[in-house]
Amino acid sequence: MADWGPVVIAVLLFVLLTPGLLFQLPGNGRVVEFVNMRTSGISIFIHTIIYFALVTIFLIAIGVHIYTG
């Protein structure tokens, strides 16, 4: 029996929090830009912090588990 919860949560958040895919914080011309497909170093850093915080909340604090088998 495998626990797929951490894998699913990590992949989903990685795809959704890719800078420039859905939003970019901070943007190149504004504070938040949507679907611009461009990024910067500070944007990558901010999105990394958001990713780490959300993964920590979902996997450690809430304890999401998806079992197969």
PDB file of N, CA and C in Angstrom:
ATOM      1  N   MET A   1       0.849  -1.166   0.000  1.00  0.00           N
ATOM      2  CA  MET A   1       0.000   0.000   0.000  1.00  0.00           C
ATOM      3  C   MET A   1       0.902   1.239   0.000  1.00  0.00           C
ATOM      4  N   ALA A   2       0.777   2.072  -1.032  1.00  0.00           N
ATOM      5  CA  ALA A   2       1.638   3.240  -1.185  1.00  0.00           C
ATOM      6  C   ALA A   2       0.871   4.520  -0.847  1.00  0.00           C
ATOM      7  N   ASP A   3       1.566   5.451  -0.270  1.00  0.00           N
ATOM      8  CA  ASP A   3       0.982   6.751   0.065  1.00  0.00           C
ATOM      9  C   ASP A   3       1.348   7.738  -1.034  1.00  0.00           C
ATOM     10  N   TRP A   4       0.384   8.086  -1.871  1.00  0.00           N
ATOM     11  CA  TRP A   4       0.615   8.989  -2.993  1.00  0.00           C
ATOM     12  C   TRP A   4       0.272  10.443  -2.671  1.00  0.00           C
ATOM     13  N   GLY A   5      -0.166  10.743  -1.478  1.00  0.00           N
ATOM     14  CA  GLY A   5      -0.539  12.103  -1.095  1.00  0.00           C
ATOM     15  C   GLY A   5       0.577  13.119  -1.272  1.00  0.00           C
ATOM     16  N   PRO A   6       1.769  12.871  -0.715  1.00  0.00           N
ATOM     17  CA  PRO A   6       2.862  13.840  -0.885  1.00  0.00           C
ATOM     18  C   PRO A   6       3.269  14.049  -2.336  1.00  0.00           C
ATOM     19  N   VAL A   7       3.237  12.986  -3.134  1.00  0.00           N
ATOM     20  CA  VAL A   7       3.622  13.109  -4.541  1.00  0.00           C
ATOM     21  C   VAL A   7       2.615  13.966  -5.298  1.00  0.00           C
ATOM     22  N   VAL A   8       1.335  13.690  -5.108  1.00  0.00           N
ATOM     23  CA  VAL A   8       0.286  14.435  -5.814  1.00  0.00           C
ATOM     24  C   VAL A   8       0.288  15.899  -5.407  1.00  0.00           C
ATOM     25  N   ILE A   9       0.381  16.174  -4.117  1.00  0.00           N
ATOM     26  CA  ILE A   9       0.389  17.561  -3.629  1.00  0.00           C
ATOM     27  C   ILE A   9       1.611  18.309  -4.148  1.00  0.00           C
ATOM     28  N   ALA A  10       2.790  17.697  -4.098  1.00  0.00           N
ATOM     29  CA  ALA A  10       4.017  18.357  -4.540  1.00  0.00           C
ATOM     30  C   ALA A  10       3.983  18.661  -6.032  1.00  0.00           C
ATOM     31  N   VAL A  11       3.539  17.708  -6.843  1.00  0.00           N
ATOM     32  CA  VAL A  11       3.477  17.937  -8.295  1.00  0.00           C
ATOM     33  C   VAL A  11       2.442  18.990  -8.640  1.00  0.00           C
ATOM     34  N   LEU A  12       1.277  18.908  -8.021  1.00  0.00           N
ATOM     35  CA  LEU A  12       0.213  19.887  -8.289  1.00  0.00           C
ATOM     36  C   LEU A  12       0.654  21.304  -7.926  1.00  0.00           C
ATOM     37  N   LEU A  13       1.249  21.476  -6.754  1.00  0.00           N
ATOM     38  CA  LEU A  13       1.716  22.806  -6.348  1.00  0.00           C
ATOM     39  C   LEU A  13       2.871  23.282  -7.216  1.00  0.00           C
ATOM     40  N   PHE A  14       3.759  22.378  -7.617  1.00  0.00           N
ATOM     41  CA  PHE A  14       4.869  22.767  -8.478  1.00  0.00           C
ATOM     42  C   PHE A  14       4.365  23.321  -9.801  1.00  0.00           C
ATOM     43  N   VAL A  15       3.384  22.661 -10.390  1.00  0.00           N
ATOM     44  CA  VAL A  15       2.844  23.116 -11.671  1.00  0.00           C
ATOM     45  C   VAL A  15       2.083  24.426 -11.496  1.00  0.00           C
ATOM     46  N   LEU A  16       1.256  24.533 -10.476  1.00  0.00           N
ATOM     47  CA  LEU A  16       0.461  25.740 -10.283  1.00  0.00           C
ATOM     48  C   LEU A  16       1.289  26.946  -9.854  1.00  0.00           C
ATOM     49  N   LEU A  17       2.379  26.717  -9.144  1.00  0.00           N
ATOM     50  CA  LEU A  17       3.188  27.837  -8.648  1.00  0.00           C
ATOM     51  C   LEU A  17       4.408  28.131  -9.508  1.00  0.00           C
ATOM     52  N   THR A  18       4.463  27.608 -10.718  1.00  0.00           N
ATOM     53  CA  THR A  18       5.537  27.958 -11.634  1.00  0.00           C
ATOM     54  C   THR A  18       5.415  29.445 -11.961  1.00  0.00           C
ATOM     55  N   PRO A  19       6.449  30.252 -11.699  1.00  0.00           N
ATOM     56  CA  PRO A  19       6.339  31.695 -11.946  1.00  0.00           C
ATOM     57  C   PRO A  19       6.013  31.999 -13.403  1.00  0.00           C
ATOM     58  N   GLY A  20       4.969  32.780 -13.615  1.00  0.00           N
ATOM     59  CA  GLY A  20       4.586  33.192 -14.953  1.00  0.00           C
ATOM     60  C   GLY A  20       3.518  32.323 -15.582  1.00  0.00           C
ATOM     61  N   LEU A  21       3.254  31.144 -15.039  1.00  0.00           N
ATOM     62  CA  LEU A  21       2.246  30.278 -15.637  1.00  0.00           C
ATOM     63  C   LEU A  21       0.846  30.793 -15.332  1.00  0.00           C
ATOM     64  N   LEU A  22       0.471  30.907 -14.082  1.00  0.00           N
ATOM     65  CA  LEU A  22      -0.811  31.491 -13.702  1.00  0.00           C
ATOM     66  C   LEU A  22      -0.652  32.936 -13.227  1.00  0.00           C
ATOM     67  N   PHE A  23       0.342  33.155 -12.399  1.00  0.00           N
ATOM     68  CA  PHE A  23       0.620  34.504 -11.910  1.00  0.00           C
ATOM     69  C   PHE A  23       2.098  34.610 -11.593  1.00  0.00           C
ATOM     70  N   GLN A  24       2.557  35.847 -11.481  1.00  0.00           N
ATOM     71  CA  GLN A  24       3.944  36.098 -11.103  1.00  0.00           C
ATOM     72  C   GLN A  24       3.945  37.171 -10.030  1.00  0.00           C
ATOM     73  N   LEU A  25       4.588  36.867  -8.918  1.00  0.00           N
ATOM     74  CA  LEU A  25       4.642  37.777  -7.786  1.00  0.00           C
ATOM     75  C   LEU A  25       6.094  37.959  -7.389  1.00  0.00           C
ATOM     76  N   PRO A  26       6.738  39.046  -7.446  1.00  0.00           N
ATOM     77  CA  PRO A  26       6.371  40.319  -8.063  1.00  0.00           C
ATOM     78  C   PRO A  26       6.545  40.260  -9.576  1.00  0.00           C
ATOM     79  N   GLY A  27       5.719  41.018 -10.264  1.00  0.00           N
ATOM     80  CA  GLY A  27       5.783  41.048 -11.718  1.00  0.00           C
ATOM     81  C   GLY A  27       6.882  41.963 -12.215  1.00  0.00           C
ATOM     82  N   ASN A  28       7.054  41.997 -13.517  1.00  0.00           N
ATOM     83  CA  ASN A  28       8.088  42.858 -14.102  1.00  0.00           C
ATOM     84  C   ASN A  28       7.676  44.326 -14.096  1.00  0.00           C
ATOM     85  N   GLY A  29       6.381  44.604 -14.325  1.00  0.00           N
ATOM     86  CA  GLY A  29       5.927  45.989 -14.345  1.00  0.00           C
ATOM     87  C   GLY A  29       4.974  46.336 -13.227  1.00  0.00           C
ATOM     88  N   ARG A  30       4.356  45.320 -12.623  1.00  0.00           N
ATOM     89  CA  ARG A  30       3.378  45.522 -11.555  1.00  0.00           C
ATOM     90  C   ARG A  30       3.721  44.607 -10.389  1.00  0.00           C
ATOM     91  N   VAL A  31       2.931  44.714  -9.324  1.00  0.00           N
ATOM     92  CA  VAL A  31       3.152  43.845  -8.174  1.00  0.00           C
ATOM     93  C   VAL A  31       2.804  42.405  -8.526  1.00  0.00           C
ATOM     94  N   VAL A  32       1.660  42.198  -9.175  1.00  0.00           N
ATOM     95  CA  VAL A  32       1.236  40.869  -9.610  1.00  0.00           C
ATOM     96  C   VAL A  32       0.886  40.933 -11.080  1.00  0.00           C
ATOM     97  N   GLU A  33       1.433  40.016 -11.860  1.00  0.00           N
ATOM     98  CA  GLU A  33       1.089  39.902 -13.273  1.00  0.00           C
ATOM     99  C   GLU A  33       0.539  38.507 -13.510  1.00  0.00           C
ATOM    100  N   PHE A  34      -0.426  38.401 -14.419  1.00  0.00           N
ATOM    101  CA  PHE A  34      -1.064  37.131 -14.691  1.00  0.00           C
ATOM    102  C   PHE A  34      -0.701  36.642 -16.092  1.00  0.00           C
ATOM    103  N   VAL A  35      -0.355  35.374 -16.207  1.00  0.00           N
ATOM    104  CA  VAL A  35      -0.091  34.646 -17.449  1.00  0.00           C
ATOM    105  C   VAL A  35       0.829  35.436 -18.383  1.00  0.00           C
ATOM    106  N   ASN A  36       2.018  35.790 -17.911  1.00  0.00           N
ATOM    107  CA  ASN A  36       2.929  36.530 -18.776  1.00  0.00           C
ATOM    108  C   ASN A  36       4.084  35.678 -19.283  1.00  0.00           C
ATOM    109  N   MET A  37       4.306  34.476 -18.698  1.00  0.00           N
ATOM    110  CA  MET A  37       5.336  33.525 -19.113  1.00  0.00           C
ATOM    111  C   MET A  37       6.751  34.101 -19.093  1.00  0.00           C
ATOM    112  N   ARG A  38       6.977  35.140 -18.314  1.00  0.00           N
ATOM    113  CA  ARG A  38       8.317  35.685 -18.082  1.00  0.00           C
ATOM    114  C   ARG A  38       8.563  35.667 -16.577  1.00  0.00           C
ATOM    115  N   THR A  39       9.808  35.580 -16.196  1.00  0.00           N
ATOM    116  CA  THR A  39      10.102  35.491 -14.767  1.00  0.00           C
ATOM    117  C   THR A  39      11.392  36.229 -14.438  1.00  0.00           C
ATOM    118  N   SER A  40      11.658  36.370 -13.160  1.00  0.00           N
ATOM    119  CA  SER A  40      12.887  36.996 -12.681  1.00  0.00           C
ATOM    120  C   SER A  40      13.397  36.199 -11.492  1.00  0.00           C
ATOM    121  N   GLY A  41      14.578  36.512 -11.054  1.00  0.00           N
ATOM    122  CA  GLY A  41      15.164  35.797  -9.921  1.00  0.00           C
ATOM    123  C   GLY A  41      14.392  35.994  -8.631  1.00  0.00           C
ATOM    124  N   ILE A  42      13.957  37.216  -8.368  1.00  0.00           N
ATOM    125  CA  ILE A  42      13.198  37.479  -7.143  1.00  0.00           C
ATOM    126  C   ILE A  42      11.846  36.785  -7.190  1.00  0.00           C
ATOM    127  N   SER A  43      11.250  36.684  -8.377  1.00  0.00           N
ATOM    128  CA  SER A  43       9.983  35.979  -8.516  1.00  0.00           C
ATOM    129  C   SER A  43      10.149  34.493  -8.233  1.00  0.00           C
ATOM    130  N   ILE A  44      11.236  33.905  -8.699  1.00  0.00           N
ATOM    131  CA  ILE A  44      11.511  32.494  -8.416  1.00  0.00           C
ATOM    132  C   ILE A  44      11.673  32.292  -6.914  1.00  0.00           C
ATOM    133  N   PHE A  45      12.356  33.202  -6.248  1.00  0.00           N
ATOM    134  CA  PHE A  45      12.557  33.108  -4.803  1.00  0.00           C
ATOM    135  C   PHE A  45      11.238  33.200  -4.042  1.00  0.00           C
ATOM    136  N   ILE A  46      10.383  34.147  -4.402  1.00  0.00           N
ATOM    137  CA  ILE A  46       9.092  34.327  -3.736  1.00  0.00           C
ATOM    138  C   ILE A  46       8.209  33.102  -3.942  1.00  0.00           C
ATOM    139  N   HIS A  47       8.172  32.582  -5.171  1.00  0.00           N
ATOM    140  CA  HIS A  47       7.363  31.401  -5.453  1.00  0.00           C
ATOM    141  C   HIS A  47       7.904  30.163  -4.726  1.00  0.00           C
ATOM    142  N   THR A  48       9.210  30.091  -4.514  1.00  0.00           N
ATOM    143  CA  THR A  48       9.802  28.995  -3.751  1.00  0.00           C
ATOM    144  C   THR A  48       9.356  29.043  -2.297  1.00  0.00           C
ATOM    145  N   ILE A  49       9.332  30.221  -1.718  1.00  0.00           N
ATOM    146  CA  ILE A  49       8.880  30.387  -0.332  1.00  0.00           C
ATOM    147  C   ILE A  49       7.407  30.005  -0.213  1.00  0.00           C
ATOM    148  N   ILE A  50       6.573  30.441  -1.163  1.00  0.00           N
ATOM    149  CA  ILE A  50       5.147  30.099  -1.145  1.00  0.00           C
ATOM    150  C   ILE A  50       4.964  28.588  -1.292  1.00  0.00           C
ATOM    151  N   TYR A  51       5.721  27.971  -2.205  1.00  0.00           N
ATOM    152  CA  TYR A  51       5.648  26.520  -2.411  1.00  0.00           C
ATOM    153  C   TYR A  51       6.009  25.767  -1.135  1.00  0.00           C
ATOM    154  N   PHE A  52       7.110  26.138  -0.512  1.00  0.00           N
ATOM    155  CA  PHE A  52       7.542  25.479   0.713  1.00  0.00           C
ATOM    156  C   PHE A  52       6.497  25.612   1.814  1.00  0.00           C
ATOM    157  N   ALA A  53       5.918  26.799   1.957  1.00  0.00           N
ATOM    158  CA  ALA A  53       4.907  27.018   2.994  1.00  0.00           C
ATOM    159  C   ALA A  53       3.672  26.157   2.738  1.00  0.00           C
ATOM    160  N   LEU A  54       3.199  26.102   1.506  1.00  0.00           N
ATOM    161  CA  LEU A  54       2.006  25.316   1.202  1.00  0.00           C
ATOM    162  C   LEU A  54       2.262  23.814   1.324  1.00  0.00           C
ATOM    163  N   VAL A  55       3.424  23.336   0.886  1.00  0.00           N
ATOM    164  CA  VAL A  55       3.748  21.916   1.041  1.00  0.00           C
ATOM    165  C   VAL A  55       3.819  21.564   2.522  1.00  0.00           C
ATOM    166  N   THR A  56       4.407  22.424   3.313  1.00  0.00           N
ATOM    167  CA  THR A  56       4.492  22.181   4.748  1.00  0.00           C
ATOM    168  C   THR A  56       3.107  22.121   5.381  1.00  0.00           C
ATOM    169  N   ILE A  57       2.240  23.024   4.998  1.00  0.00           N
ATOM    170  CA  ILE A  57       0.890  23.033   5.552  1.00  0.00           C
ATOM    171  C   ILE A  57       0.130  21.775   5.153  1.00  0.00           C
ATOM    172  N   PHE A  58       0.147  21.434   3.871  1.00  0.00           N
ATOM    173  CA  PHE A  58      -0.634  20.293   3.407  1.00  0.00           C
ATOM    174  C   PHE A  58      -0.086  18.957   3.893  1.00  0.00           C
ATOM    175  N   LEU A  59       1.221  18.794   3.943  1.00  0.00           N
ATOM    176  CA  LEU A  59       1.780  17.492   4.262  1.00  0.00           C
ATOM    177  C   LEU A  59       2.033  17.280   5.749  1.00  0.00           C
ATOM    178  N   ILE A  60       2.423  18.309   6.461  1.00  0.00           N
ATOM    179  CA  ILE A  60       2.748  18.136   7.874  1.00  0.00           C
ATOM    180  C   ILE A  60       1.585  18.551   8.774  1.00  0.00           C
ATOM    181  N   ALA A  61       1.037  19.740   8.561  1.00  0.00           N
ATOM    182  CA  ALA A  61      -0.015  20.229   9.449  1.00  0.00           C
ATOM    183  C   ALA A  61      -1.339  19.516   9.216  1.00  0.00           C
ATOM    184  N   ILE A  62      -1.755  19.379   7.952  1.00  0.00           N
ATOM    185  CA  ILE A  62      -3.028  18.731   7.648  1.00  0.00           C
ATOM    186  C   ILE A  62      -2.854  17.220   7.522  1.00  0.00           C
ATOM    187  N   GLY A  63      -1.774  16.781   6.921  1.00  0.00           N
ATOM    188  CA  GLY A  63      -1.490  15.365   6.789  1.00  0.00           C
ATOM    189  C   GLY A  63      -2.304  14.702   5.677  1.00  0.00           C
ATOM    190  N   VAL A  64      -2.180  15.191   4.456  1.00  0.00           N
ATOM    191  CA  VAL A  64      -2.899  14.625   3.327  1.00  0.00           C
ATOM    192  C   VAL A  64      -2.291  13.273   2.959  1.00  0.00           C
ATOM    193  N   HIS A  65      -3.155  12.250   2.859  1.00  0.00           N
ATOM    194  CA  HIS A  65      -2.718  10.906   2.491  1.00  0.00           C
ATOM    195  C   HIS A  65      -3.651  10.346   1.431  1.00  0.00           C
ATOM    196  N   ILE A  66      -3.091   9.759   0.398  1.00  0.00           N
ATOM    197  CA  ILE A  66      -3.853   9.064  -0.643  1.00  0.00           C
ATOM    198  C   ILE A  66      -3.234   7.681  -0.772  1.00  0.00           C
ATOM    199  N   TYR A  67      -3.967   6.666  -0.359  1.00  0.00           N
ATOM    200  CA  TYR A  67      -3.460   5.297  -0.369  1.00  0.00           C
ATOM    201  C   TYR A  67      -3.981   4.548  -1.582  1.00  0.00           C
ATOM    202  N   THR A  68      -3.133   3.716  -2.169  1.00  0.00           N
ATOM    203  CA  THR A  68      -3.533   2.862  -3.296  1.00  0.00           C
ATOM    204  C   THR A  68      -3.312   1.413  -2.910  1.00  0.00           C
ATOM    205  N   GLY A  69      -4.057   0.557  -3.553  1.00  0.00           N
ATOM    206  CA  GLY A  69      -3.837  -0.875  -3.343  1.00  0.00           C
ATOM    207  C   GLY A  69      -4.836  -1.415  -2.448  1.00  0.00           C
TER     208      GLY A  69
END
